[in-house]
């Protein structure tokens, strides 16, 4: 009898001991299971795209009007496309720094300043090259860069494409920039200012130059491609978070951008109508702009690397940034290469 009791007691001790050993293992397994979802990125249901009301970025508007953003990105879980308009690149980059954008159609220069300030993003595709004009008001004489001294010129804010291109052009031509009143402003404010005679000229992306000329309030004296041949203008910028966590989605975004860019080049008349409907700008102005500008819609980021690195150097020379940025800091061309393949 005693032997049976002893066996029973020993058995109970073994069961309890096993319970004490196995319970923590079970708890650890449950904790790992609960923690796992936080390590796996969730689906992106809303994609936030920034853009500007310029014909430079007409590919974004075509992709939207044709329903390609919605149709192409739906298989990746995206159900809502939020498009946010900005008047120029610097405020658009402030929005991206604040986490309000996933994708940005933006001049190639503003991301340089933003990335130097800590923005986690990369240029993944090109959007266009050239495409801005220096327009002077009626009666304002022009005989070259030096003749701008003493004038007031409205252009996009410091760090923008137009700001960098114009200041580099002036410096290269031995013009003292401090002798020109360069006023940072958005396109609508700049057009209003020159047409009201409050400033002598503007340096703006299209279609604003064509609007001023058709209104009889100014004339184009030089185009940006003459100032800096084939310079990078707008680009497609995507957040680092999206790149790391949703590479397949990024790949499709670039494919859709390429498709829209090709459509614009093949169907400029329809693209002009899409732009006019989207921005409520006069179709005649838009058509004249697309006919007379010196820009070109492109998608290959390799086209923009060289001039973008020159922008970064000018930025540093002007004191906009305090570090030297490399191609690796600014670009990720692997997605474009994969999309084209």
Protein backbone atom coordinates (compact mmCIF):
# COMPACT_ATOMS: atom_id res chain seq x y z
CA UNK A 1 0.00 0.00 0.00
CA UNK A 2 2.78 2.36 0.98
CA UNK A 3 4.52 1.51 -2.25
CA UNK A 4 1.43 2.46 -4.29
CA UNK A 5 1.09 5.78 -2.43
CA UNK A 6 4.76 6.57 -2.99
CA UNK A 7 4.42 5.88 -6.73
CA UNK A 8 1.34 8.12 -6.92
CA UNK A 9 3.13 10.96 -5.14
CA UNK A 10 6.14 10.68 -7.42
CA UNK A 11 3.88 10.69 -10.49
CA UNK A 12 2.15 13.85 -9.26
CA UNK A 13 5.49 15.55 -8.71
CA UNK A 14 6.57 14.68 -12.27
CA UNK A 15 3.32 16.08 -13.71
CA UNK A 16 3.65 19.29 -11.74
CA UNK A 17 7.29 19.59 -12.74
CA UNK A 18 6.44 19.14 -16.39
CA UNK A 19 3.73 21.75 -16.05
CA UNK A 20 6.19 24.23 -14.55
CA UNK A 21 8.62 23.62 -17.38
CA UNK A 22 6.15 23.65 -20.24
CA UNK A 23 4.04 26.61 -19.16
CA UNK A 24 6.73 29.26 -19.85
CA UNK A 25 7.39 27.70 -23.27
CA UNK A 26 3.72 28.00 -24.14
CA UNK A 27 3.65 31.60 -22.93
CA UNK A 28 6.72 32.48 -25.01
CA UNK A 29 5.13 30.92 -28.10
CA UNK A 30 1.97 32.96 -27.58
CA UNK A 31 3.97 36.18 -27.13
CA UNK A 32 5.85 35.53 -30.38
CA UNK A 33 2.58 34.91 -32.22
CA UNK A 34 1.10 38.17 -30.92
CA UNK A 35 4.22 40.16 -31.70
CA UNK A 36 4.65 38.88 -35.27
CA UNK A 37 2.11 41.19 -36.99
CA UNK A 38 3.95 44.29 -35.78
CA UNK A 39 7.01 43.13 -37.71
CA UNK A 40 5.14 42.47 -40.94
CA UNK A 41 4.05 45.60 -42.86
CA UNK A 42 0.32 45.88 -43.39
CA UNK A 43 -1.35 46.52 -46.69
CA UNK A 44 -1.38 50.07 -48.00
CA UNK A 45 -5.04 50.89 -48.61
CA UNK A 46 -4.55 54.61 -49.28
CA UNK A 47 -1.75 55.98 -51.46
CA UNK A 48 -0.98 59.70 -51.09
CA UNK A 49 0.50 61.36 -54.18
CA UNK A 50 1.80 64.93 -54.28
CA UNK A 51 1.98 66.94 -57.52
CA UNK A 52 2.09 70.49 -58.88
CA UNK A 53 -0.19 72.25 -61.43
CA UNK A 54 2.40 72.22 -64.20
CA UNK A 55 2.47 70.53 -67.59
CA UNK A 56 5.80 69.08 -66.44
CA UNK A 57 3.84 66.63 -64.29
CA UNK A 58 1.07 65.86 -66.73
CA UNK A 59 1.85 62.12 -66.57
CA UNK A 60 0.45 62.01 -63.04
CA UNK A 61 -2.78 63.60 -64.21
CA UNK A 62 -3.09 61.25 -67.19
CA UNK A 63 -2.64 58.21 -64.93
CA UNK A 64 -5.39 59.61 -62.72
CA UNK A 65 -7.81 60.56 -65.50
CA UNK A 66 -7.42 57.22 -67.25
CA UNK A 67 -8.08 55.40 -63.98
CA UNK A 68 -4.69 53.71 -64.13
CA UNK A 69 -3.69 54.56 -60.56
CA UNK A 70 -6.84 52.90 -59.26
CA UNK A 71 -6.86 49.98 -61.67
CA UNK A 72 -3.14 49.15 -61.58
CA UNK A 73 -2.66 49.48 -57.82
CA UNK A 74 -5.84 47.70 -56.70
CA UNK A 75 -4.21 44.22 -56.83
CA UNK A 76 -1.75 45.48 -54.19
CA UNK A 77 -4.50 46.43 -51.74
CA UNK A 78 -4.72 50.13 -52.64
CA UNK A 79 -8.37 51.22 -52.69
CA UNK A 80 -8.00 55.01 -52.36
CA UNK A 81 -5.72 57.44 -54.23
CA UNK A 82 -5.31 60.81 -52.50
CA UNK A 83 -3.81 63.45 -54.78
CA UNK A 84 -2.52 66.58 -53.06
CA UNK A 85 -1.62 69.73 -55.02
CA UNK A 86 1.32 71.96 -54.09
CA UNK A 87 2.35 75.23 -55.72
CA UNK A 88 6.06 74.36 -55.76
CA UNK A 89 8.56 71.74 -54.67
CA UNK A 90 9.85 73.08 -51.31
CA UNK A 91 6.42 73.04 -49.59
CA UNK A 92 5.72 69.66 -51.20
CA UNK A 93 8.88 68.31 -49.57
CA UNK A 94 7.82 69.79 -46.24
CA UNK A 95 4.66 67.72 -46.62
CA UNK A 96 6.71 64.62 -47.28
CA UNK A 97 8.99 65.32 -44.32
CA UNK A 98 5.85 65.56 -42.19
CA UNK A 99 4.78 62.10 -43.37
CA UNK A 100 1.82 63.36 -45.41
CA UNK A 101 2.94 61.87 -48.74
CA UNK A 102 4.03 58.46 -50.01
CA UNK A 103 4.81 59.52 -53.58
CA UNK A 104 5.77 62.90 -55.01
CA UNK A 105 5.95 64.30 -58.53
CA UNK A 106 8.41 67.07 -57.76
CA UNK A 107 11.33 69.00 -59.16
CA UNK A 108 14.58 67.08 -58.73
CA UNK A 109 16.20 69.84 -56.66
CA UNK A 110 13.85 70.11 -53.62
CA UNK A 111 14.40 66.46 -52.60
CA UNK A 112 18.11 67.24 -52.30
CA UNK A 113 17.50 69.71 -49.49
CA UNK A 114 14.89 67.47 -47.89
CA UNK A 115 17.11 64.35 -47.99
CA UNK A 116 19.98 66.39 -46.52
CA UNK A 117 17.56 67.28 -43.70
CA UNK A 118 16.76 63.64 -43.08
CA UNK A 119 13.95 62.78 -45.50
CA UNK A 120 13.78 59.03 -46.05
CA UNK A 121 13.04 58.85 -49.78
CA UNK A 122 14.61 58.12 -53.16
CA UNK A 123 14.18 59.33 -56.73
CA UNK A 124 13.05 56.25 -58.65
CA UNK A 125 12.15 57.64 -62.07
CA UNK A 126 12.43 60.76 -64.18
CA UNK A 127 9.42 62.89 -65.17
CA UNK A 128 10.79 65.60 -67.47
CA UNK A 129 13.80 67.67 -68.47
CA UNK A 130 14.00 71.44 -69.22
CA UNK A 131 10.65 73.26 -69.56
CA UNK A 132 10.94 76.70 -67.88
CA UNK A 133 11.17 80.19 -69.42
CA UNK A 134 12.49 83.55 -68.30
CA UNK A 135 9.71 86.01 -69.18
CA UNK A 136 10.16 89.78 -68.95
CA UNK A 137 7.40 92.36 -68.85
CA UNK A 138 6.62 94.84 -71.64
CA UNK A 139 9.31 97.44 -72.06
CA UNK A 140 11.87 95.61 -69.92
CA UNK A 141 15.10 95.52 -71.94
CA UNK A 142 17.12 92.33 -72.22
CA UNK A 143 20.60 91.87 -73.68
CA UNK A 144 21.83 88.88 -71.71
CA UNK A 145 22.21 87.76 -68.08
CA UNK A 146 24.01 90.94 -67.00
CA UNK A 147 21.05 93.08 -68.05
CA UNK A 148 18.95 91.51 -65.27
CA UNK A 149 20.90 93.39 -62.61
CA UNK A 150 18.61 95.87 -60.88
CA UNK A 151 15.45 93.98 -61.87
CA UNK A 152 12.95 92.06 -59.73
CA UNK A 153 12.37 88.47 -60.84
CA UNK A 154 9.71 86.16 -59.41
CA UNK A 155 10.48 82.46 -59.33
CA UNK A 156 9.93 79.37 -57.19
CA UNK A 157 11.32 79.43 -53.61
CA UNK A 158 14.96 78.77 -52.69
CA UNK A 159 15.98 75.17 -53.34
CA UNK A 160 13.58 74.72 -56.24
CA UNK A 161 14.60 73.74 -59.77
CA UNK A 162 13.99 77.25 -61.09
CA UNK A 163 15.91 78.86 -58.24
CA UNK A 164 18.93 76.59 -58.74
CA UNK A 165 18.96 76.76 -62.56
CA UNK A 166 18.68 80.56 -62.63
CA UNK A 167 21.28 81.18 -59.93
CA UNK A 168 23.77 78.77 -61.54
CA UNK A 169 23.21 80.41 -64.92
CA UNK A 170 23.73 83.89 -63.45
CA UNK A 171 26.85 82.82 -61.55
CA UNK A 172 28.29 81.10 -64.64
CA UNK A 173 27.84 84.40 -66.49
CA UNK A 174 29.58 86.45 -63.78
CA UNK A 175 26.39 88.15 -62.63
CA UNK A 176 26.23 89.38 -59.04
CA UNK A 177 23.08 87.64 -57.76
CA UNK A 178 22.77 90.11 -54.91
CA UNK A 179 22.07 92.85 -57.48
CA UNK A 180 18.85 91.10 -58.60
CA UNK A 181 15.72 91.00 -56.48
CA UNK A 182 14.83 87.32 -56.69
CA UNK A 183 11.44 86.76 -55.09
CA UNK A 184 10.27 83.30 -54.17
CA UNK A 185 6.60 82.66 -54.99
CA UNK A 186 4.21 80.14 -56.49
CA UNK A 187 3.21 80.23 -60.17
CA UNK A 188 -0.18 81.89 -59.76
CA UNK A 189 1.23 84.64 -57.54
CA UNK A 190 4.14 85.20 -59.93
CA UNK A 191 1.86 85.46 -62.97
CA UNK A 192 -0.40 87.91 -61.13
CA UNK A 193 2.60 89.99 -60.05
CA UNK A 194 4.17 90.37 -63.52
CA UNK A 195 0.83 91.04 -65.19
CA UNK A 196 0.10 93.75 -62.59
CA UNK A 197 3.53 95.29 -63.21
CA UNK A 198 4.70 94.62 -59.65
CA UNK A 199 7.80 92.72 -60.78
CA UNK A 200 9.91 92.98 -63.92
CA UNK A 201 9.97 89.32 -64.85
CA UNK A 202 9.45 85.71 -63.89
CA UNK A 203 11.29 82.43 -64.34
CA UNK A 204 8.63 79.74 -64.24
CA UNK A 205 7.79 76.26 -65.50
CA UNK A 206 5.18 75.85 -68.19
CA UNK A 207 2.37 76.59 -68.82
CA UNK A 208 2.79 79.90 -66.92
CA UNK A 209 5.17 81.46 -69.50
CA UNK A 210 2.68 80.78 -72.31
CA UNK A 211 -0.14 82.29 -70.28
CA UNK A 212 1.77 85.54 -69.77
CA UNK A 213 2.76 85.75 -73.44
CA UNK A 214 -0.79 85.07 -74.68
CA UNK A 215 -2.13 87.66 -72.24
CA UNK A 216 0.20 90.18 -73.86
CA UNK A 217 1.92 90.88 -70.55
CA UNK A 218 5.42 89.69 -71.37
CA UNK A 219 7.79 87.89 -73.71
CA UNK A 220 10.03 84.87 -73.28
CA UNK A 221 13.69 85.86 -73.60
CA UNK A 222 15.43 82.55 -72.84
CA UNK A 223 14.43 78.98 -72.03
CA UNK A 224 15.92 76.85 -69.29
CA UNK A 225 17.39 74.36 -71.76
CA UNK A 226 19.50 77.21 -73.12
CA UNK A 227 20.64 78.10 -69.61
CA UNK A 228 21.49 74.50 -68.77
CA UNK A 229 21.04 72.00 -71.63
CA UNK A 230 19.00 68.90 -70.80
CA UNK A 231 18.90 69.69 -67.10
CA UNK A 232 16.83 67.45 -64.84
CA UNK A 233 13.52 68.97 -63.93
CA UNK A 234 10.74 66.92 -62.34
CA UNK A 235 11.20 63.44 -60.95
CA UNK A 236 9.25 60.68 -59.20
CA UNK A 237 10.15 60.46 -55.51
CA UNK A 238 8.98 57.60 -53.26
CA UNK A 239 9.29 57.24 -49.51
CA UNK A 240 11.87 54.84 -48.13
CA UNK A 241 9.22 53.11 -46.05
CA UNK A 242 7.19 52.26 -49.16
CA UNK A 243 10.33 51.10 -50.97
CA UNK A 244 11.37 48.77 -48.16
CA UNK A 245 7.99 47.40 -47.15
CA UNK A 246 6.12 47.31 -50.47
CA UNK A 247 8.65 46.86 -53.30
CA UNK A 248 6.09 45.18 -55.59
CA UNK A 249 3.77 48.17 -55.21
CA UNK A 250 6.64 50.55 -55.97
CA UNK A 251 7.45 48.54 -59.07
CA UNK A 252 3.86 48.92 -60.29
CA UNK A 253 3.79 52.65 -59.52
CA UNK A 254 6.78 53.05 -61.83
CA UNK A 255 5.21 50.87 -64.52
CA UNK A 256 2.07 53.03 -64.41
CA UNK A 257 4.19 56.19 -64.57
CA UNK A 258 6.04 54.85 -67.63
CA UNK A 259 2.71 54.00 -69.29
CA UNK A 260 1.35 57.49 -68.61
CA UNK A 261 4.54 59.17 -69.85
CA UNK A 262 4.43 57.18 -73.08
CA UNK A 263 0.78 58.14 -73.51
CA UNK A 264 1.53 61.85 -73.11
CA UNK A 265 4.26 61.69 -75.75
CA UNK A 266 2.03 59.74 -78.16
CA UNK A 267 -1.17 61.72 -77.50
CA UNK A 268 -0.27 65.33 -76.64
CA UNK A 269 -3.68 66.69 -77.72
CA UNK A 270 -5.61 64.42 -75.37
CA UNK A 271 -3.04 64.99 -72.62
CA UNK A 272 -3.56 68.75 -73.00
CA UNK A 273 -7.32 68.31 -72.55
CA UNK A 274 -6.79 66.16 -69.47
CA UNK A 275 -4.48 68.81 -68.00
CA UNK A 276 -6.87 71.65 -68.77
CA UNK A 277 -9.80 69.78 -67.21
CA UNK A 278 -7.80 68.93 -64.11
CA UNK A 279 -6.35 72.39 -63.49
CA UNK A 280 -9.18 74.48 -64.99
CA UNK A 281 -6.63 76.30 -67.13
CA UNK A 282 -7.46 77.59 -70.60
CA UNK A 283 -6.96 74.83 -73.19
CA UNK A 284 -5.51 77.28 -75.73
CA UNK A 285 -2.82 78.24 -73.21
CA UNK A 286 -2.06 74.60 -72.43
CA UNK A 287 -1.80 73.67 -76.12
CA UNK A 288 0.47 76.65 -76.81
CA UNK A 289 2.63 75.69 -73.85
CA UNK A 290 3.06 72.10 -74.98
CA UNK A 291 3.91 73.32 -78.48
CA UNK A 292 6.38 76.05 -77.51
CA UNK A 293 8.19 74.73 -74.43
CA UNK A 294 11.67 73.22 -74.67
CA UNK A 295 10.88 70.40 -72.26
CA UNK A 296 10.56 66.68 -72.80
CA UNK A 297 8.61 64.03 -70.85
CA UNK A 298 10.90 61.16 -69.88
CA UNK A 299 10.92 58.34 -67.34
CA UNK A 300 14.48 56.94 -67.25
CA UNK A 301 16.18 58.27 -64.07
CA UNK A 302 19.63 57.74 -65.58
CA UNK A 303 18.96 60.83 -67.72
CA UNK A 304 18.79 62.97 -64.60
CA UNK A 305 21.62 61.68 -62.44
CA UNK A 306 24.43 63.94 -63.70
CA UNK A 307 22.56 67.27 -63.47
CA UNK A 308 20.96 66.27 -60.16
CA UNK A 309 24.40 65.77 -58.64
CA UNK A 310 25.33 69.20 -60.00
CA UNK A 311 22.22 70.61 -58.29
CA UNK A 312 23.49 69.09 -55.04
CA UNK A 313 26.84 70.84 -55.52
CA UNK A 314 25.16 74.19 -56.21
CA UNK A 315 22.93 73.66 -53.16
CA UNK A 316 26.01 73.23 -51.01
CA UNK A 317 27.76 76.21 -52.59
CA UNK A 318 24.68 78.36 -51.87
CA UNK A 319 24.51 77.11 -48.28
CA UNK A 320 21.19 75.32 -48.70
CA UNK A 321 22.74 72.06 -47.48
CA UNK A 322 25.88 71.36 -45.45
CA UNK A 323 26.90 67.97 -46.83
CA UNK A 324 27.88 66.38 -50.12
CA UNK A 325 25.22 63.99 -51.41
CA UNK A 326 25.95 61.07 -53.72
CA UNK A 327 23.92 59.21 -56.32
CA UNK A 328 23.24 56.52 -53.72
CA UNK A 329 21.87 59.14 -51.32
CA UNK A 330 19.41 60.46 -53.89
CA UNK A 331 18.52 57.68 -56.33
CA UNK A 332 17.31 54.09 -56.44
CA UNK A 333 17.23 53.19 -60.13
CA UNK A 334 16.79 49.44 -59.56
CA UNK A 335 12.99 49.63 -59.64
CA UNK A 336 12.96 51.41 -63.00
CA UNK A 337 15.38 48.86 -64.43
CA UNK A 338 13.16 46.02 -63.18
CA UNK A 339 9.99 47.71 -64.47
CA UNK A 340 11.48 48.18 -67.93
CA UNK A 341 12.72 44.59 -68.00
